[in-house]
Amino acid sequence: MNKKTVSIILLIIFLITTVLTVANVFLSDENTEINQTGTLTVENKTVNYEKAGKCLEVIDGNTIQVYGIGKVQLTQIGLTEGDASFAQAKDFVSEKCLGKTVYLDVDDKQPKDKYGRTLAIVYTNDTNVNKELLKNNLAKVSYFEPSEFEKGLD
């Protein structure tokens, strides 16, 4: 390779590194900005939420990454890797949440799990995502205590 080719390759590597570094700064989930609480109407019911943010990633059918909040575990939802519905649950959550603003009703009695994930019922503008996973048989109830929520999210 001649010097010109090496210079171009190094320039491209530098530009890619710079873009990724800048993107990481803007998409960091370590944002400590306080999210406003509020209400929204879902299925003709007014619900309260404590946090809101854009869903950046769907990790699996019951775990998402939310900007400014971090990893969120859809509370009371159980999935078993290898079940036929496992991939369908992830697809469903991706369709409902990915790239959209999600609203979190955080479990007041147990706001985080042992892995540091926020435990919450996840809403979009028109859907209780946790409840829809159960209703569509894409997940099972995985109830634990303490929890402010009723078994089965009723």
C-alpha atoms as a PDB file:
ATOM      1  CA  MET A   1       0.000   0.000   0.000  1.00  0.00           C
ATOM      2  CA  ASN A   2       1.178   3.471  -0.742  1.00  0.00           C
ATOM      3  CA  LYS A   3       1.182   6.380   1.712  1.00  0.00           C
ATOM      4  CA  LYS A   4      -1.978   7.891   0.254  1.00  0.00           C
ATOM      5  CA  THR A   5      -4.014   4.708   0.812  1.00  0.00           C
ATOM      6  CA  VAL A   6      -2.742   4.363   4.399  1.00  0.00           C
ATOM      7  CA  SER A   7      -3.592   8.015   5.073  1.00  0.00           C
ATOM      8  CA  ILE A   8      -7.141   7.568   3.762  1.00  0.00           C
ATOM      9  CA  ILE A   9      -7.665   4.441   5.879  1.00  0.00           C
ATOM     10  CA  LEU A  10      -6.393   6.210   9.003  1.00  0.00           C
ATOM     11  CA  LEU A  11      -8.631   9.206   8.272  1.00  0.00           C
ATOM     12  CA  ILE A  12     -11.683   6.944   7.901  1.00  0.00           C
ATOM     13  CA  ILE A  13     -10.868   5.163  11.191  1.00  0.00           C
ATOM     14  CA  PHE A  14     -10.467   8.528  12.921  1.00  0.00           C
ATOM     15  CA  LEU A  15     -13.808   9.801  11.567  1.00  0.00           C
ATOM     16  CA  ILE A  16     -15.667   6.633  12.568  1.00  0.00           C
ATOM     17  CA  THR A  17     -14.177   6.780  16.066  1.00  0.00           C
ATOM     18  CA  THR A  18     -15.136  10.441  16.403  1.00  0.00           C
ATOM     19  CA  VAL A  19     -18.727   9.814  15.260  1.00  0.00           C
ATOM     20  CA  LEU A  20     -19.130   6.868  17.651  1.00  0.00           C
ATOM     21  CA  THR A  21     -17.719   8.875  20.559  1.00  0.00           C
ATOM     22  CA  VAL A  22     -20.073  11.789  19.907  1.00  0.00           C
ATOM     23  CA  ALA A  23     -23.048   9.424  19.503  1.00  0.00           C
ATOM     24  CA  ASN A  24     -22.181   7.720  22.789  1.00  0.00           C
ATOM     25  CA  VAL A  25     -22.140  11.054  24.618  1.00  0.00           C
ATOM     26  CA  PHE A  26     -25.577  12.010  23.308  1.00  0.00           C
ATOM     27  CA  LEU A  27     -27.165   8.576  23.814  1.00  0.00           C
ATOM     28  CA  SER A  28     -25.698   7.853  27.246  1.00  0.00           C
ATOM     29  CA  ASP A  29     -28.281   6.448  29.643  1.00  0.00           C
ATOM     30  CA  GLU A  30     -26.541   8.002  32.631  1.00  0.00           C
ATOM     31  CA  ASN A  31     -28.706  11.093  32.284  1.00  0.00           C
ATOM     32  CA  THR A  32     -29.712  12.161  35.800  1.00  0.00           C
ATOM     33  CA  GLU A  33     -32.305  14.658  34.649  1.00  0.00           C
ATOM     34  CA  ILE A  34     -35.539  14.237  36.603  1.00  0.00           C
ATOM     35  CA  ASN A  35     -38.361  12.886  34.478  1.00  0.00           C
ATOM     36  CA  GLN A  36     -41.690  14.553  35.051  1.00  0.00           C
ATOM     37  CA  THR A  37     -44.592  12.567  36.371  1.00  0.00           C
ATOM     38  CA  GLY A  38     -47.920  12.723  34.648  1.00  0.00           C
ATOM     39  CA  THR A  39     -51.019  10.916  33.541  1.00  0.00           C
ATOM     40  CA  LEU A  40     -52.229   9.426  30.301  1.00  0.00           C
ATOM     41  CA  THR A  41     -55.321   7.549  29.207  1.00  0.00           C
ATOM     42  CA  VAL A  42     -54.822   3.938  28.166  1.00  0.00           C
ATOM     43  CA  GLU A  43     -57.758   1.661  27.386  1.00  0.00           C
ATOM     44  CA  ASN A  44     -60.223   4.249  28.740  1.00  0.00           C
ATOM     45  CA  LYS A  45     -58.385   4.311  32.059  1.00  0.00           C
ATOM     46  CA  THR A  46     -56.312   7.161  33.465  1.00  0.00           C
ATOM     47  CA  VAL A  47     -52.904   5.929  34.583  1.00  0.00           C
ATOM     48  CA  ASN A  48     -50.154   7.711  36.462  1.00  0.00           C
ATOM     49  CA  TYR A  49     -46.518   7.398  35.491  1.00  0.00           C
ATOM     50  CA  GLU A  50     -43.359   8.464  37.295  1.00  0.00           C
ATOM     51  CA  LYS A  51     -40.861   8.434  34.447  1.00  0.00           C
ATOM     52  CA  ALA A  52     -40.820   8.701  30.682  1.00  0.00           C
ATOM     53  CA  GLY A  53     -38.176   8.341  28.014  1.00  0.00           C
ATOM     54  CA  LYS A  54     -37.427   7.079  24.536  1.00  0.00           C
ATOM     55  CA  CYS A  55     -36.975   3.321  24.153  1.00  0.00           C
ATOM     56  CA  LEU A  56     -33.520   2.909  22.623  1.00  0.00           C
ATOM     57  CA  GLU A  57     -33.297  -0.882  22.599  1.00  0.00           C
ATOM     58  CA  VAL A  58     -35.389  -3.966  23.220  1.00  0.00           C
ATOM     59  CA  ILE A  59     -33.104  -6.418  24.981  1.00  0.00           C
ATOM     60  CA  ASP A  60     -35.679  -9.201  25.176  1.00  0.00           C
ATOM     61  CA  GLY A  61     -39.429  -9.543  25.546  1.00  0.00           C
ATOM     62  CA  ASN A  62     -39.486  -8.086  29.044  1.00  0.00           C
ATOM     63  CA  THR A  63     -36.426  -5.831  29.219  1.00  0.00           C
ATOM     64  CA  ILE A  64     -35.903  -2.540  27.415  1.00  0.00           C
ATOM     65  CA  GLN A  65     -33.317   0.248  27.476  1.00  0.00           C
ATOM     66  CA  VAL A  66     -34.822   3.695  28.038  1.00  0.00           C
ATOM     67  CA  TYR A  67     -32.939   6.942  27.512  1.00  0.00           C
ATOM     68  CA  GLY A  68     -32.276   8.725  30.793  1.00  0.00           C
ATOM     69  CA  ILE A  69     -33.422   5.748  32.861  1.00  0.00           C
ATOM     70  CA  GLY A  70     -31.390   2.708  31.840  1.00  0.00           C
ATOM     71  CA  LYS A  71     -32.613  -0.867  31.728  1.00  0.00           C
ATOM     72  CA  VAL A  72     -36.269  -1.394  32.548  1.00  0.00           C
ATOM     73  CA  GLN A  73     -37.731  -4.771  33.465  1.00  0.00           C
ATOM     74  CA  LEU A  74     -41.423  -5.103  32.637  1.00  0.00           C
ATOM     75  CA  THR A  75     -42.683  -6.017  36.087  1.00  0.00           C
ATOM     76  CA  GLN A  76     -44.688  -9.180  36.744  1.00  0.00           C
ATOM     77  CA  ILE A  77     -43.788 -10.554  33.293  1.00  0.00           C
ATOM     78  CA  GLY A  78     -41.997 -13.870  32.941  1.00  0.00           C
ATOM     79  CA  LEU A  79     -40.444 -15.299  29.797  1.00  0.00           C
ATOM     80  CA  THR A  80     -38.508 -18.504  29.304  1.00  0.00           C
ATOM     81  CA  GLU A  81     -35.735 -18.420  26.743  1.00  0.00           C
ATOM     82  CA  GLY A  82     -36.327 -21.182  24.256  1.00  0.00           C
ATOM     83  CA  ASP A  83     -40.142 -21.008  24.439  1.00  0.00           C
ATOM     84  CA  ALA A  84     -41.832 -20.485  21.087  1.00  0.00           C
ATOM     85  CA  SER A  85     -43.249 -17.187  22.348  1.00  0.00           C
ATOM     86  CA  PHE A  86     -39.847 -15.805  23.438  1.00  0.00           C
ATOM     87  CA  ALA A  87     -38.976 -14.319  20.025  1.00  0.00           C
ATOM     88  CA  GLN A  88     -42.600 -13.259  19.455  1.00  0.00           C
ATOM     89  CA  ALA A  89     -42.592 -11.360  22.752  1.00  0.00           C
ATOM     90  CA  LYS A  90     -39.445  -9.483  21.737  1.00  0.00           C
ATOM     91  CA  ASP A  91     -40.963  -8.657  18.351  1.00  0.00           C
ATOM     92  CA  PHE A  92     -44.164  -7.447  20.030  1.00  0.00           C
ATOM     93  CA  VAL A  93     -42.285  -5.198  22.472  1.00  0.00           C
ATOM     94  CA  SER A  94     -40.110  -3.885  19.620  1.00  0.00           C
ATOM     95  CA  GLU A  95     -43.195  -2.985  17.589  1.00  0.00           C
ATOM     96  CA  LYS A  96     -44.843  -1.227  20.531  1.00  0.00           C
ATOM     97  CA  CYS A  97     -41.843   0.492  22.139  1.00  0.00           C
ATOM     98  CA  LEU A  98     -38.682   0.770  20.033  1.00  0.00           C
ATOM     99  CA  GLY A  99     -37.955   4.369  19.067  1.00  0.00           C
ATOM    100  CA  LYS A 100     -41.054   5.624  20.871  1.00  0.00           C
ATOM    101  CA  THR A 101     -41.637   7.431  24.137  1.00  0.00           C
ATOM    102  CA  VAL A 102     -42.582   4.987  26.872  1.00  0.00           C
ATOM    103  CA  TYR A 103     -44.198   5.898  30.176  1.00  0.00           C
ATOM    104  CA  LEU A 104     -43.231   3.993  33.310  1.00  0.00           C
ATOM    105  CA  ASP A 105     -45.351   3.289  36.362  1.00  0.00           C
ATOM    106  CA  VAL A 106     -42.462   2.304  38.618  1.00  0.00           C
ATOM    107  CA  ASP A 107     -43.173  -0.227  41.364  1.00  0.00           C
ATOM    108  CA  ASP A 108     -43.116   1.930  44.504  1.00  0.00           C
ATOM    109  CA  LYS A 109     -42.563  -1.040  46.828  1.00  0.00           C
ATOM    110  CA  GLN A 110     -39.640  -2.429  44.819  1.00  0.00           C
ATOM    111  CA  PRO A 111     -38.369   0.111  42.271  1.00  0.00           C
ATOM    112  CA  LYS A 112     -35.294  -1.930  41.219  1.00  0.00           C
ATOM    113  CA  ASP A 113     -34.500  -5.611  40.895  1.00  0.00           C
ATOM    114  CA  LYS A 114     -31.303  -7.272  42.099  1.00  0.00           C
ATOM    115  CA  TYR A 115     -29.639  -6.419  38.761  1.00  0.00           C
ATOM    116  CA  GLY A 116     -30.376  -2.687  39.109  1.00  0.00           C
ATOM    117  CA  ARG A 117     -33.101  -2.630  36.463  1.00  0.00           C
ATOM    118  CA  THR A 118     -36.094  -0.372  37.048  1.00  0.00           C
ATOM    119  CA  LEU A 119     -39.240  -2.447  37.635  1.00  0.00           C
ATOM    120  CA  ALA A 120     -42.259  -0.889  35.952  1.00  0.00           C
ATOM    121  CA  ILE A 121     -45.427  -1.259  34.007  1.00  0.00           C
ATOM    122  CA  VAL A 122     -44.604   0.135  30.572  1.00  0.00           C
ATOM    123  CA  TYR A 123     -47.143   2.187  28.652  1.00  0.00           C
ATOM    124  CA  THR A 124     -47.097   3.680  25.200  1.00  0.00           C
ATOM    125  CA  ASN A 125     -49.641   6.311  24.180  1.00  0.00           C
ATOM    126  CA  ASP A 126     -52.363   3.681  23.836  1.00  0.00           C
ATOM    127  CA  THR A 127     -51.102   0.388  25.295  1.00  0.00           C
ATOM    128  CA  ASN A 128     -50.252  -1.238  28.613  1.00  0.00           C
ATOM    129  CA  VAL A 129     -47.398  -3.309  27.176  1.00  0.00           C
ATOM    130  CA  ASN A 130     -47.116  -5.613  30.213  1.00  0.00           C
ATOM    131  CA  LYS A 131     -50.817  -6.479  30.136  1.00  0.00           C
ATOM    132  CA  GLU A 132     -50.843  -6.992  26.356  1.00  0.00           C
ATOM    133  CA  LEU A 133     -47.987  -9.502  26.599  1.00  0.00           C
ATOM    134  CA  LEU A 134     -50.097 -11.539  29.033  1.00  0.00           C
ATOM    135  CA  LYS A 135     -53.322 -11.075  27.085  1.00  0.00           C
ATOM    136  CA  ASN A 136     -51.678 -12.315  23.861  1.00  0.00           C
ATOM    137  CA  ASN A 137     -50.117 -15.329  25.649  1.00  0.00           C
ATOM    138  CA  LEU A 138     -46.610 -14.091  24.862  1.00  0.00           C
ATOM    139  CA  ALA A 139     -45.600 -14.159  28.538  1.00  0.00           C
ATOM    140  CA  LYS A 140     -46.687 -15.569  31.882  1.00  0.00           C
ATOM    141  CA  VAL A 141     -47.335 -13.833  35.168  1.00  0.00           C
ATOM    142  CA  SER A 142     -44.183 -13.809  37.254  1.00  0.00           C
ATOM    143  CA  TYR A 143     -45.433 -12.349  40.517  1.00  0.00           C
ATOM    144  CA  PHE A 144     -43.084 -11.372  43.293  1.00  0.00           C
ATOM    145  CA  GLU A 145     -43.412  -9.472  46.535  1.00  0.00           C
ATOM    146  CA  PRO A 146     -43.195  -6.814  47.661  1.00  0.00           C
ATOM    147  CA  SER A 147     -45.044  -5.122  44.827  1.00  0.00           C
ATOM    148  CA  GLU A 148     -47.606  -2.355  44.571  1.00  0.00           C
ATOM    149  CA  PHE A 149     -49.230  -4.172  41.648  1.00  0.00           C
ATOM    150  CA  GLU A 150     -51.857  -6.905  41.778  1.00  0.00           C
ATOM    151  CA  LYS A 151     -51.005 -10.366  40.519  1.00  0.00           C
ATOM    152  CA  GLY A 152     -51.709 -10.407  36.791  1.00  0.00           C
ATOM    153  CA  LEU A 153     -51.605  -6.586  36.664  1.00  0.00           C
ATOM    154  CA  ASP A 154     -55.348  -6.189  37.213  1.00  0.00           C
END
